[in-house]
Structures are given as C-alpha cells and as structure tokens.
Amino acid sequence: MSDTINIRVWTQNDLEVIRKITWETWLATYTEFIPEEDLRSYFDANYTLEMLRKLYHSVFMKGFLAEVDGVTAGCMRTFFNKEESRFYVSSLYILPQFQGKGIGKRLMAEAEQCALDYHLDQVWLGVMEQNIHALEWYKAQGFEFPEEAPFVMGKTSVNHFIGFKRIHPDTSPQ
C-alpha cells in the first residue's frame, strides 16, 4: 500500500510545527559540520514564532506543508525577490523518516508552479556544500550551482552553493 502524500499551504496554526520540522531536520543533517550550539543560536534568532508570523504575512512568501497519511512530514518556504526578479526556495525540510518517498519532488513541483505564476523560468535555492545528500538530490532534479557565498550560523561559516533550475510551463510537473 502506498503512502498518501498531501501538500497544502501553511496556516498560522502550523508555525509551531514548522519550527519543529526545521529543528529536527537541522539536528539530523547539520550537526555533522555545524556545532549544535551554533545551530541553536541561529534557530533562536531566526525561527521564533514572531519571525515566522512576519514571514507568513509577507506578500512575497508562501509556505507549504507536506503530510503523509495525515502526519506532518516536511515543509517548504518560498520567496519572490522582486529586486532580483528571482524566485527562491528558501527552505525545504523533510523529516528523516519520510525521506525517499517523493515528498521533496512534490514540494518542488509546487515551487515551480509558484515561479511560473510570477512569469519566471527559474527556481533558485541555496544548499550548504557539506550537505552532500541534498546537493546531489538537487543536481538530480536539474539544478546548476554557478554561485557561492558563505553562510554563517552562530560562530560557524560554511560554503553555500546558490543555484537554479530552469522551468517551462509545458514541462513543469503538476
């Protein structure tokens, strides 16, 4: 029997679960190369409920939750940068026990549709160089990474690859 995956837009009532998914995926992924104290200081500064509420009310941000058989499995936040005329996937987090079920692909399809709604032909995102699993997954999805920049969490700085995937209205997954 296959799992039923549902993708829906965030509501304000989801913000606490967004924080939980973010923190759990960070611990599972980033502690291999970023000390937990640095993760915690960045998380506490940037993922408060108040900050998430501000993001929720931003006209250029859209968030999605993924549920598998009614259980929250992951989330994604997107952002349209009007000045750059770029559409970004700001974050895409799938809880470890739900990875490999096609949830990331479903979330990316939502991001691609959002970019198309802005009449853009690319989706942009950043991924830490040491996050090999995610980097390889994004490359398999068609992303190229022509830019690099440091990303600082607490006292730790890591190299951040910034890349894009070209999309077209007639070939974007639905």
N, C-alpha and C. Protein backbone atom coordinates (compact mmCIF):
# COMPACT_ATOMS: atom_id res chain seq x y z
N MET A 1 0.84 -1.18 0.00
CA MET A 1 0.00 0.00 0.00
C MET A 1 0.89 1.25 0.00
N SER A 2 0.59 2.19 -0.86
CA SER A 2 1.41 3.39 -0.94
C SER A 2 0.91 4.45 0.03
N ASP A 3 1.85 5.30 0.45
CA ASP A 3 1.52 6.39 1.34
C ASP A 3 0.78 7.48 0.58
N THR A 4 -0.17 8.12 1.24
CA THR A 4 -0.90 9.23 0.65
C THR A 4 -0.19 10.52 1.06
N ILE A 5 0.34 11.23 0.06
CA ILE A 5 1.05 12.48 0.31
C ILE A 5 0.12 13.64 -0.02
N ASN A 6 -0.03 14.54 0.92
CA ASN A 6 -0.83 15.74 0.73
C ASN A 6 0.06 16.96 0.92
N ILE A 7 0.01 17.88 -0.03
CA ILE A 7 0.75 19.14 0.06
C ILE A 7 -0.28 20.24 0.22
N ARG A 8 -0.10 21.07 1.22
CA ARG A 8 -1.02 22.18 1.42
C ARG A 8 -0.26 23.44 1.85
N VAL A 9 -0.91 24.58 1.70
CA VAL A 9 -0.32 25.86 2.09
C VAL A 9 -0.35 25.96 3.62
N TRP A 10 0.72 26.57 4.19
CA TRP A 10 0.77 26.81 5.63
C TRP A 10 -0.41 27.64 6.08
N THR A 11 -0.78 27.43 7.32
CA THR A 11 -1.68 28.35 8.01
C THR A 11 -0.92 28.87 9.23
N GLN A 12 -1.44 29.90 9.88
CA GLN A 12 -0.79 30.41 11.09
C GLN A 12 -0.73 29.34 12.17
N ASN A 13 -1.68 28.42 12.17
CA ASN A 13 -1.69 27.36 13.17
C ASN A 13 -0.56 26.35 12.96
N ASP A 14 0.12 26.40 11.82
CA ASP A 14 1.20 25.46 11.51
C ASP A 14 2.58 25.94 11.95
N LEU A 15 2.69 27.16 12.42
CA LEU A 15 4.02 27.75 12.65
C LEU A 15 4.84 26.98 13.69
N GLU A 16 4.22 26.49 14.72
CA GLU A 16 4.97 25.72 15.72
C GLU A 16 5.49 24.41 15.10
N VAL A 17 4.68 23.75 14.28
CA VAL A 17 5.14 22.51 13.64
C VAL A 17 6.25 22.81 12.62
N ILE A 18 6.22 23.98 11.98
CA ILE A 18 7.30 24.39 11.07
C ILE A 18 8.61 24.50 11.86
N ARG A 19 8.53 25.10 13.03
CA ARG A 19 9.73 25.20 13.89
C ARG A 19 10.24 23.81 14.26
N LYS A 20 9.34 22.91 14.60
CA LYS A 20 9.72 21.55 15.00
C LYS A 20 10.40 20.80 13.84
N ILE A 21 9.81 20.87 12.66
CA ILE A 21 10.40 20.20 11.49
C ILE A 21 11.77 20.80 11.19
N THR A 22 11.86 22.11 11.22
CA THR A 22 13.14 22.78 10.94
C THR A 22 14.21 22.29 11.91
N TRP A 23 13.92 22.34 13.20
CA TRP A 23 14.91 21.97 14.20
C TRP A 23 15.30 20.49 14.08
N GLU A 24 14.33 19.61 13.92
CA GLU A 24 14.65 18.17 13.81
C GLU A 24 15.49 17.87 12.58
N THR A 25 15.18 18.50 11.45
CA THR A 25 15.97 18.23 10.25
C THR A 25 17.36 18.84 10.36
N TRP A 26 17.46 20.00 11.00
CA TRP A 26 18.79 20.58 11.22
C TRP A 26 19.65 19.65 12.06
N LEU A 27 19.10 19.15 13.16
CA LEU A 27 19.86 18.25 14.02
C LEU A 27 20.31 17.01 13.26
N ALA A 28 19.43 16.47 12.44
CA ALA A 28 19.74 15.25 11.69
C ALA A 28 20.76 15.49 10.58
N THR A 29 20.81 16.71 10.05
CA THR A 29 21.64 16.99 8.88
C THR A 29 22.88 17.81 9.19
N TYR A 30 22.72 18.90 9.88
CA TYR A 30 23.80 19.89 10.00
C TYR A 30 24.78 19.63 11.13
N THR A 31 24.42 18.83 12.14
CA THR A 31 25.34 18.64 13.25
C THR A 31 26.61 17.88 12.84
N GLU A 32 26.62 17.31 11.65
CA GLU A 32 27.85 16.69 11.14
C GLU A 32 28.92 17.73 10.85
N PHE A 33 28.51 18.99 10.60
CA PHE A 33 29.50 20.01 10.25
C PHE A 33 29.26 21.37 10.90
N ILE A 34 28.21 21.51 11.70
CA ILE A 34 27.96 22.74 12.45
C ILE A 34 27.65 22.34 13.89
N PRO A 35 28.38 22.90 14.87
CA PRO A 35 28.10 22.57 16.27
C PRO A 35 26.66 22.91 16.64
N GLU A 36 26.05 22.07 17.47
CA GLU A 36 24.66 22.27 17.86
C GLU A 36 24.43 23.64 18.49
N GLU A 37 25.40 24.14 19.25
CA GLU A 37 25.23 25.46 19.88
C GLU A 37 25.11 26.57 18.83
N ASP A 38 25.79 26.43 17.71
CA ASP A 38 25.67 27.42 16.63
C ASP A 38 24.33 27.28 15.91
N LEU A 39 23.89 26.04 15.73
CA LEU A 39 22.56 25.83 15.16
C LEU A 39 21.50 26.47 16.06
N ARG A 40 21.62 26.24 17.36
CA ARG A 40 20.63 26.74 18.31
C ARG A 40 20.60 28.27 18.31
N SER A 41 21.77 28.91 18.28
CA SER A 41 21.77 30.37 18.32
C SER A 41 21.13 30.95 17.06
N TYR A 42 21.39 30.34 15.90
CA TYR A 42 20.80 30.81 14.65
C TYR A 42 19.29 30.55 14.66
N PHE A 43 18.91 29.36 15.09
CA PHE A 43 17.49 29.00 15.15
C PHE A 43 16.73 29.94 16.08
N ASP A 44 17.28 30.17 17.27
CA ASP A 44 16.62 31.04 18.25
C ASP A 44 16.51 32.48 17.76
N ALA A 45 17.44 32.91 16.92
CA ALA A 45 17.40 34.28 16.40
C ALA A 45 16.50 34.43 15.18
N ASN A 46 16.36 33.37 14.40
CA ASN A 46 15.68 33.49 13.10
C ASN A 46 14.39 32.69 12.93
N TYR A 47 14.08 31.83 13.87
CA TYR A 47 12.90 30.98 13.74
C TYR A 47 11.96 31.08 14.94
N THR A 48 11.86 32.28 15.51
CA THR A 48 10.88 32.49 16.57
C THR A 48 9.49 32.48 15.95
N LEU A 49 8.48 32.27 16.77
CA LEU A 49 7.11 32.33 16.26
C LEU A 49 6.82 33.72 15.70
N GLU A 50 7.34 34.75 16.34
CA GLU A 50 7.12 36.12 15.86
C GLU A 50 7.72 36.31 14.47
N MET A 51 8.93 35.82 14.25
CA MET A 51 9.56 35.95 12.93
C MET A 51 8.79 35.14 11.88
N LEU A 52 8.34 33.95 12.25
CA LEU A 52 7.57 33.14 11.31
C LEU A 52 6.23 33.80 10.99
N ARG A 53 5.62 34.46 11.97
CA ARG A 53 4.38 35.20 11.70
C ARG A 53 4.62 36.32 10.70
N LYS A 54 5.73 37.03 10.84
CA LYS A 54 6.06 38.10 9.88
C LYS A 54 6.23 37.52 8.48
N LEU A 55 6.95 36.41 8.39
CA LEU A 55 7.11 35.76 7.09
C LEU A 55 5.76 35.32 6.53
N TYR A 56 4.93 34.77 7.39
CA TYR A 56 3.62 34.29 6.97
C TYR A 56 2.80 35.41 6.33
N HIS A 57 2.94 36.61 6.86
CA HIS A 57 2.16 37.74 6.35
C HIS A 57 2.81 38.46 5.18
N SER A 58 4.00 38.05 4.79
CA SER A 58 4.68 38.67 3.66
C SER A 58 3.98 38.28 2.36
N VAL A 59 3.73 39.27 1.53
CA VAL A 59 3.04 39.02 0.26
C VAL A 59 3.92 38.19 -0.70
N PHE A 60 5.24 38.21 -0.50
CA PHE A 60 6.16 37.52 -1.40
C PHE A 60 6.59 36.14 -0.90
N MET A 61 6.12 35.73 0.28
CA MET A 61 6.46 34.43 0.83
C MET A 61 5.25 33.51 0.75
N LYS A 62 5.53 32.24 0.48
CA LYS A 62 4.48 31.23 0.52
C LYS A 62 5.09 29.98 1.12
N GLY A 63 4.38 29.39 2.07
CA GLY A 63 4.88 28.18 2.71
C GLY A 63 3.96 27.01 2.45
N PHE A 64 4.56 25.82 2.42
CA PHE A 64 3.81 24.59 2.17
C PHE A 64 4.17 23.55 3.22
N LEU A 65 3.19 22.75 3.58
CA LEU A 65 3.39 21.62 4.47
C LEU A 65 3.12 20.34 3.69
N ALA A 66 3.92 19.33 3.96
CA ALA A 66 3.71 18.01 3.37
C ALA A 66 3.26 17.07 4.48
N GLU A 67 2.21 16.34 4.20
CA GLU A 67 1.70 15.35 5.15
C GLU A 67 1.64 13.99 4.46
N VAL A 68 2.00 12.97 5.22
CA VAL A 68 1.93 11.60 4.73
C VAL A 68 0.96 10.85 5.62
N ASP A 69 -0.11 10.39 5.01
CA ASP A 69 -1.18 9.71 5.75
C ASP A 69 -1.61 10.52 6.97
N GLY A 70 -1.70 11.84 6.78
CA GLY A 70 -2.16 12.74 7.84
C GLY A 70 -1.11 13.17 8.84
N VAL A 71 0.12 12.68 8.70
CA VAL A 71 1.20 13.03 9.62
C VAL A 71 2.13 14.03 8.93
N THR A 72 2.43 15.14 9.62
CA THR A 72 3.30 16.15 9.05
C THR A 72 4.69 15.56 8.81
N ALA A 73 5.18 15.69 7.57
CA ALA A 73 6.43 15.05 7.16
C ALA A 73 7.50 16.03 6.70
N GLY A 74 7.10 17.23 6.30
CA GLY A 74 8.07 18.19 5.80
C GLY A 74 7.43 19.53 5.52
N CYS A 75 8.28 20.48 5.17
CA CYS A 75 7.79 21.82 4.86
C CYS A 75 8.72 22.50 3.87
N MET A 76 8.19 23.52 3.24
CA MET A 76 8.98 24.31 2.29
C MET A 76 8.51 25.76 2.40
N ARG A 77 9.48 26.66 2.30
CA ARG A 77 9.18 28.09 2.27
C ARG A 77 9.75 28.65 0.98
N THR A 78 8.95 29.44 0.28
CA THR A 78 9.40 30.07 -0.96
C THR A 78 9.34 31.58 -0.81
N PHE A 79 10.08 32.27 -1.66
CA PHE A 79 10.15 33.72 -1.57
C PHE A 79 10.43 34.31 -2.95
N PHE A 80 9.64 35.28 -3.35
CA PHE A 80 9.89 36.02 -4.57
C PHE A 80 10.67 37.27 -4.22
N ASN A 81 11.91 37.36 -4.75
CA ASN A 81 12.74 38.53 -4.54
C ASN A 81 12.50 39.47 -5.72
N LYS A 82 11.70 40.49 -5.47
CA LYS A 82 11.28 41.40 -6.53
C LYS A 82 12.47 42.15 -7.13
N GLU A 83 13.42 42.59 -6.28
CA GLU A 83 14.57 43.35 -6.77
C GLU A 83 15.43 42.53 -7.73
N GLU A 84 15.63 41.26 -7.41
CA GLU A 84 16.44 40.38 -8.26
C GLU A 84 15.61 39.73 -9.36
N SER A 85 14.31 39.80 -9.24
CA SER A 85 13.38 39.08 -10.12
C SER A 85 13.74 37.58 -10.12
N ARG A 86 13.93 37.07 -8.89
CA ARG A 86 14.24 35.65 -8.69
C ARG A 86 13.23 35.05 -7.73
N PHE A 87 12.88 33.80 -8.00
CA PHE A 87 12.01 33.05 -7.11
C PHE A 87 12.87 32.01 -6.39
N TYR A 88 12.86 32.06 -5.06
CA TYR A 88 13.70 31.19 -4.24
C TYR A 88 12.90 30.16 -3.47
N VAL A 89 13.46 28.97 -3.35
CA VAL A 89 13.04 28.04 -2.32
C VAL A 89 13.98 28.36 -1.16
N SER A 90 13.44 29.05 -0.15
CA SER A 90 14.25 29.48 0.99
C SER A 90 14.61 28.31 1.90
N SER A 91 13.70 27.37 2.01
CA SER A 91 13.98 26.17 2.81
C SER A 91 13.08 25.04 2.34
N LEU A 92 13.64 23.84 2.40
CA LEU A 92 12.89 22.62 2.09
C LEU A 92 13.40 21.56 3.04
N TYR A 93 12.57 21.17 3.98
CA TYR A 93 12.97 20.22 5.02
C TYR A 93 12.01 19.04 5.06
N ILE A 94 12.57 17.84 4.96
CA ILE A 94 11.79 16.61 5.07
C ILE A 94 12.35 15.85 6.27
N LEU A 95 11.48 15.49 7.20
CA LEU A 95 11.94 14.73 8.36
C LEU A 95 12.60 13.44 7.88
N PRO A 96 13.70 13.03 8.54
CA PRO A 96 14.48 11.87 8.05
C PRO A 96 13.65 10.62 7.78
N GLN A 97 12.69 10.32 8.63
CA GLN A 97 11.91 9.09 8.45
C GLN A 97 10.98 9.14 7.25
N PHE A 98 10.82 10.32 6.64
CA PHE A 98 9.94 10.45 5.48
C PHE A 98 10.72 10.69 4.18
N GLN A 99 12.04 10.75 4.25
CA GLN A 99 12.82 10.98 3.05
C GLN A 99 12.76 9.76 2.13
N GLY A 100 12.87 10.02 0.83
CA GLY A 100 12.84 8.93 -0.15
C GLY A 100 11.44 8.52 -0.58
N LYS A 101 10.42 9.27 -0.19
CA LYS A 101 9.04 8.93 -0.54
C LYS A 101 8.47 9.83 -1.63
N GLY A 102 9.30 10.71 -2.21
CA GLY A 102 8.82 11.60 -3.27
C GLY A 102 8.26 12.92 -2.77
N ILE A 103 8.37 13.17 -1.47
CA ILE A 103 7.82 14.41 -0.90
C ILE A 103 8.57 15.63 -1.42
N GLY A 104 9.89 15.55 -1.47
CA GLY A 104 10.68 16.68 -1.97
C GLY A 104 10.30 17.05 -3.41
N LYS A 105 10.10 16.04 -4.24
CA LYS A 105 9.70 16.29 -5.63
C LYS A 105 8.34 16.97 -5.69
N ARG A 106 7.43 16.53 -4.85
CA ARG A 106 6.09 17.15 -4.82
C ARG A 106 6.17 18.60 -4.36
N LEU A 107 6.99 18.86 -3.35
CA LEU A 107 7.15 20.24 -2.89
C LEU A 107 7.81 21.10 -3.96
N MET A 108 8.82 20.56 -4.63
CA MET A 108 9.49 21.33 -5.69
C MET A 108 8.52 21.63 -6.83
N ALA A 109 7.62 20.72 -7.12
CA ALA A 109 6.62 20.99 -8.16
C ALA A 109 5.76 22.19 -7.78
N GLU A 110 5.44 22.31 -6.50
CA GLU A 110 4.69 23.48 -6.02
C GLU A 110 5.51 24.75 -6.22
N ALA A 111 6.80 24.68 -5.88
CA ALA A 111 7.67 25.85 -6.05
C ALA A 111 7.76 26.25 -7.52
N GLU A 112 7.90 25.27 -8.39
CA GLU A 112 7.97 25.56 -9.83
C GLU A 112 6.70 26.25 -10.31
N GLN A 113 5.56 25.77 -9.84
CA GLN A 113 4.30 26.40 -10.25
C GLN A 113 4.22 27.84 -9.73
N CYS A 114 4.68 28.07 -8.52
CA CYS A 114 4.70 29.44 -7.97
C CYS A 114 5.59 30.35 -8.82
N ALA A 115 6.75 29.85 -9.21
CA ALA A 115 7.65 30.65 -10.06
C ALA A 115 6.98 30.96 -11.39
N LEU A 116 6.33 29.99 -11.96
CA LEU A 116 5.61 30.21 -13.22
C LEU A 116 4.50 31.24 -13.03
N ASP A 117 3.85 31.22 -11.88
CA ASP A 117 2.80 32.21 -11.59
C ASP A 117 3.36 33.63 -11.60
N TYR A 118 4.65 33.78 -11.27
CA TYR A 118 5.34 35.08 -11.34
C TYR A 118 5.92 35.33 -12.74
N HIS A 119 5.64 34.44 -13.67
CA HIS A 119 6.13 34.53 -15.06
C HIS A 119 7.65 34.44 -15.10
N LEU A 120 8.21 33.58 -14.25
CA LEU A 120 9.65 33.34 -14.22
C LEU A 120 9.94 31.94 -14.75
N ASP A 121 11.15 31.77 -15.27
CA ASP A 121 11.51 30.47 -15.84
C ASP A 121 12.62 29.77 -15.06
N GLN A 122 12.84 30.21 -13.81
CA GLN A 122 13.85 29.59 -12.98
C GLN A 122 13.38 29.55 -11.53
N VAL A 123 13.82 28.53 -10.82
CA VAL A 123 13.69 28.44 -9.37
C VAL A 123 15.10 28.43 -8.81
N TRP A 124 15.35 29.26 -7.81
CA TRP A 124 16.67 29.39 -7.18
C TRP A 124 16.63 28.84 -5.76
N LEU A 125 17.79 28.38 -5.29
CA LEU A 125 17.92 27.95 -3.90
C LEU A 125 19.38 27.91 -3.51
N GLY A 126 19.61 27.76 -2.23
CA GLY A 126 20.96 27.60 -1.71
C GLY A 126 21.05 26.32 -0.92
N VAL A 127 22.22 25.70 -0.97
CA VAL A 127 22.45 24.47 -0.21
C VAL A 127 23.90 24.48 0.28
N MET A 128 24.08 24.05 1.52
CA MET A 128 25.43 24.02 2.09
C MET A 128 26.26 22.95 1.41
N GLU A 129 27.50 23.31 1.12
CA GLU A 129 28.41 22.41 0.41
C GLU A 129 28.54 21.06 1.12
N GLN A 130 28.57 21.06 2.44
CA GLN A 130 28.74 19.82 3.19
C GLN A 130 27.47 18.97 3.25
N ASN A 131 26.35 19.51 2.82
CA ASN A 131 25.10 18.77 2.81
C ASN A 131 25.03 17.96 1.50
N ILE A 132 25.91 16.99 1.41
CA ILE A 132 26.12 16.22 0.18
C ILE A 132 24.82 15.56 -0.31
N HIS A 133 24.07 14.96 0.61
CA HIS A 133 22.83 14.27 0.22
C HIS A 133 21.87 15.23 -0.49
N ALA A 134 21.65 16.41 0.10
CA ALA A 134 20.74 17.39 -0.53
C ALA A 134 21.32 17.93 -1.82
N LEU A 135 22.62 18.21 -1.83
CA LEU A 135 23.26 18.76 -3.02
C LEU A 135 23.11 17.80 -4.20
N GLU A 136 23.36 16.53 -3.97
CA GLU A 136 23.21 15.54 -5.04
C GLU A 136 21.75 15.40 -5.48
N TRP A 137 20.83 15.49 -4.52
CA TRP A 137 19.41 15.41 -4.86
C TRP A 137 19.01 16.58 -5.75
N TYR A 138 19.43 17.80 -5.38
CA TYR A 138 19.09 18.98 -6.19
C TYR A 138 19.70 18.87 -7.59
N LYS A 139 20.91 18.40 -7.69
CA LYS A 139 21.53 18.21 -9.01
C LYS A 139 20.73 17.21 -9.83
N ALA A 140 20.26 16.14 -9.20
CA ALA A 140 19.46 15.15 -9.91
C ALA A 140 18.12 15.73 -10.37
N GLN A 141 17.66 16.78 -9.71
CA GLN A 141 16.42 17.46 -10.10
C GLN A 141 16.65 18.49 -11.20
N GLY A 142 17.92 18.69 -11.60
CA GLY A 142 18.22 19.61 -12.69
C GLY A 142 18.81 20.94 -12.27
N PHE A 143 19.18 21.09 -11.00
CA PHE A 143 19.77 22.35 -10.54
C PHE A 143 21.24 22.45 -10.93
N GLU A 144 21.65 23.65 -11.28
CA GLU A 144 23.05 24.02 -11.52
C GLU A 144 23.43 25.03 -10.45
N PHE A 145 24.70 25.05 -10.03
CA PHE A 145 25.13 25.91 -8.94
C PHE A 145 26.28 26.81 -9.36
N PRO A 146 25.97 27.93 -10.02
CA PRO A 146 27.02 28.83 -10.51
C PRO A 146 27.55 29.83 -9.48
N GLU A 147 26.88 29.96 -8.33
CA GLU A 147 27.28 30.96 -7.34
C GLU A 147 27.63 30.30 -6.02
N GLU A 148 28.49 30.97 -5.25
CA GLU A 148 28.84 30.52 -3.90
C GLU A 148 28.88 31.73 -2.99
N ALA A 149 28.56 31.50 -1.73
CA ALA A 149 28.63 32.56 -0.72
C ALA A 149 28.75 31.90 0.64
N PRO A 150 29.38 32.56 1.58
CA PRO A 150 29.43 31.99 2.93
C PRO A 150 28.05 32.10 3.60
N PHE A 151 27.74 31.12 4.42
CA PHE A 151 26.52 31.13 5.21
C PHE A 151 26.96 30.95 6.66
N VAL A 152 26.54 31.87 7.52
CA VAL A 152 27.01 31.86 8.90
C VAL A 152 25.88 31.47 9.84
N MET A 153 26.17 30.47 10.66
CA MET A 153 25.27 30.05 11.73
C MET A 153 26.08 30.12 13.01
N GLY A 154 25.72 31.06 13.86
CA GLY A 154 26.49 31.23 15.09
C GLY A 154 27.91 31.64 14.76
N LYS A 155 28.87 30.87 15.26
CA LYS A 155 30.28 31.15 15.00
C LYS A 155 30.82 30.35 13.82
N THR A 156 29.98 29.56 13.19
CA THR A 156 30.41 28.68 12.10
C THR A 156 30.01 29.27 10.75
N SER A 157 30.96 29.30 9.85
CA SER A 157 30.71 29.73 8.47
C SER A 157 30.92 28.52 7.55
N VAL A 158 29.94 28.28 6.69
CA VAL A 158 30.04 27.19 5.73
C VAL A 158 29.84 27.74 4.33
N ASN A 159 30.39 27.05 3.36
CA ASN A 159 30.20 27.47 1.97
C ASN A 159 28.80 27.08 1.53
N HIS A 160 28.15 28.02 0.87
CA HIS A 160 26.76 27.86 0.44
C HIS A 160 26.72 27.95 -1.08
N PHE A 161 26.30 26.87 -1.74
CA PHE A 161 26.13 26.90 -3.19
C PHE A 161 24.76 27.48 -3.50
N ILE A 162 24.71 28.39 -4.44
CA ILE A 162 23.46 29.03 -4.85
C ILE A 162 23.23 28.66 -6.30
N GLY A 163 22.08 28.06 -6.56
CA GLY A 163 21.84 27.56 -7.91
C GLY A 163 20.40 27.70 -8.35
N PHE A 164 20.17 27.28 -9.57
CA PHE A 164 18.86 27.42 -10.18
C PHE A 164 18.54 26.22 -11.04
N LYS A 165 17.26 26.10 -11.31
CA LYS A 165 16.74 25.11 -12.24
C LYS A 165 15.83 25.86 -13.21
N ARG A 166 16.04 25.62 -14.49
CA ARG A 166 15.15 26.22 -15.49
C ARG A 166 13.85 25.43 -15.54
N ILE A 167 12.76 26.15 -15.67
CA ILE A 167 11.45 25.51 -15.75
C ILE A 167 10.69 26.11 -16.92
N HIS A 168 9.75 25.35 -17.42
CA HIS A 168 8.94 25.79 -18.56
C HIS A 168 7.50 25.39 -18.28
N PRO A 169 6.55 26.22 -18.66
CA PRO A 169 5.14 25.91 -18.37
C PRO A 169 4.68 24.57 -18.91
N ASP A 170 5.22 24.16 -20.05
CA ASP A 170 4.74 22.93 -20.67
C ASP A 170 5.44 21.67 -20.13
N THR A 171 6.53 21.83 -19.37
CA THR A 171 7.26 20.66 -18.87
C THR A 171 7.28 20.57 -17.36
N SER A 172 6.78 21.58 -16.66
CA SER A 172 6.78 21.57 -15.20
C SER A 172 5.83 20.48 -14.69
N PRO A 173 6.28 19.71 -13.68
CA PRO A 173 5.40 18.68 -13.14
C PRO A 173 4.18 19.32 -12.46
N GLN A 174 3.08 18.62 -12.47
CA GLN A 174 1.86 19.16 -11.86
C GLN A 174 1.63 18.55 -10.51
